Protein backbone atom coordinates (compact mmCIF):
# COMPACT_ATOMS: atom_id res chain seq x y z
CA MET A 1 8.89 2.82 -3.51
CA TYR A 2 6.39 1.91 -0.63
CA ILE A 3 4.43 3.83 2.57
CA ASP A 4 5.11 1.74 6.18
CA LEU A 5 2.30 3.39 8.41
CA LYS A 6 0.96 2.49 11.97
CA ILE A 7 -2.87 1.20 12.30
CA ALA A 8 -4.80 0.01 14.69
CA LEU A 9 -7.42 -2.27 14.33
CA TRP A 10 -9.53 -4.72 16.31
CA GLU A 11 -9.46 -8.47 16.13
CA ARG A 12 -12.10 -10.83 17.23
CA ILE A 13 -11.55 -14.40 18.19
CA LYS A 14 -13.55 -16.87 18.84
CA ILE A 15 -13.24 -19.01 21.28
CA PRO A 16 -13.76 -22.75 20.76
CA LYS A 17 -17.10 -24.29 22.37
CA GLU A 18 -15.43 -26.83 24.33
CA LEU A 19 -12.84 -24.36 25.64
CA GLU A 20 -15.29 -21.84 26.59
CA LYS A 21 -15.70 -23.16 30.38
CA GLU A 22 -12.09 -23.19 31.75
CA PHE A 23 -11.46 -19.89 29.37
CA LYS A 24 -14.42 -17.69 31.43
CA LYS A 25 -12.77 -19.80 34.80
CA LYS A 26 -9.32 -18.12 34.20
CA VAL A 27 -11.19 -14.90 32.86
CA GLN A 28 -12.78 -14.71 36.59
CA LYS A 29 -9.33 -15.50 38.01
CA GLY A 30 -7.95 -12.81 36.60
CA GLU A 31 -5.47 -15.22 35.19
CA ILE A 32 -6.63 -13.93 31.26
CA ASN A 33 -6.89 -10.26 31.09
CA GLU A 34 -5.15 -9.10 27.89
CA PRO A 35 -4.63 -10.61 24.44
CA GLN A 36 -1.55 -12.22 24.89
CA ASP A 37 -3.32 -14.10 27.97
CA VAL A 38 -5.84 -15.48 25.46
CA PHE A 39 -2.67 -16.22 22.37
CA LEU A 40 -0.83 -18.58 25.19
CA PHE A 41 -3.98 -19.84 26.70
CA LEU A 42 -5.46 -21.09 22.55
CA GLY A 43 -1.73 -21.79 21.37
CA ASP A 44 -2.47 -22.84 17.63
CA LYS A 45 -5.84 -22.72 17.60
CA VAL A 46 -5.90 -19.13 17.84
CA GLU A 47 -5.46 -18.83 14.11
CA GLU A 48 -8.32 -20.61 13.28
CA THR A 49 -10.68 -18.66 14.83
CA ARG A 50 -8.85 -15.35 14.28
CA VAL A 51 -10.34 -12.09 12.10
CA LYS A 52 -9.76 -8.67 11.54
CA LEU A 53 -12.20 -6.29 12.00
CA LEU A 54 -11.29 -3.78 8.89
CA ASP A 55 -14.29 -1.68 9.15
CA THR A 56 -12.51 -0.52 13.21
CA LEU A 57 -9.13 0.35 11.03
CA GLN A 58 -7.80 3.10 11.97
CA PRO A 59 -4.17 5.08 11.46
CA VAL A 60 -2.04 5.71 14.43
CA LYS A 61 -1.14 9.54 15.00
CA LYS A 62 2.32 10.43 16.17
CA GLU A 63 1.31 11.59 19.32
CA ASN A 64 -0.62 8.41 20.18
CA ASN A 65 2.93 6.48 19.79
CA ASP A 66 4.78 7.74 21.95
CA GLY A 67 6.46 10.15 19.31
CA GLU A 68 7.79 7.63 17.42
CA ALA A 69 6.96 7.18 13.74
CA THR A 70 3.46 6.39 12.19
CA PHE A 71 4.37 7.16 8.80
CA GLN A 72 7.57 6.30 6.92
CA ILE A 73 8.09 6.48 2.67
CA PHE A 74 11.12 4.42 1.21
CA ASP A 75 12.53 3.92 -1.96
CA ASN A 76 13.25 0.73 -3.93
CA ASN A 77 16.09 0.09 -2.30
CA HIS A 78 14.38 0.14 1.09
CA THR A 79 16.41 3.61 1.89
CA LEU A 80 14.10 5.86 3.94
CA ILE A 81 12.77 9.15 2.16
CA PHE A 82 10.31 9.96 4.74
CA SER A 83 9.61 10.01 8.39
CA ASN A 84 7.35 11.87 10.53
CA ASP A 85 9.13 10.70 13.63
CA ASN A 86 11.58 14.13 12.78
């Protein structure tokens, strides 16, 4: 048996020194304003500096997930036993 649960978690991504100037310009121009933009800008380098800030971990409530499930229990055959979306 296992449980799947949805969480919210902050991550920190260190911008390499050699890219800081270009990164700042893109932010100021509005070219970087969401996480996906950062991932596209850094490419493979994002994984080198990405750190999960575990002290920020919070469970997501169903109400904050458009009513979709945030907590599910499965048996060892991967059959859903319980879901809080009902």
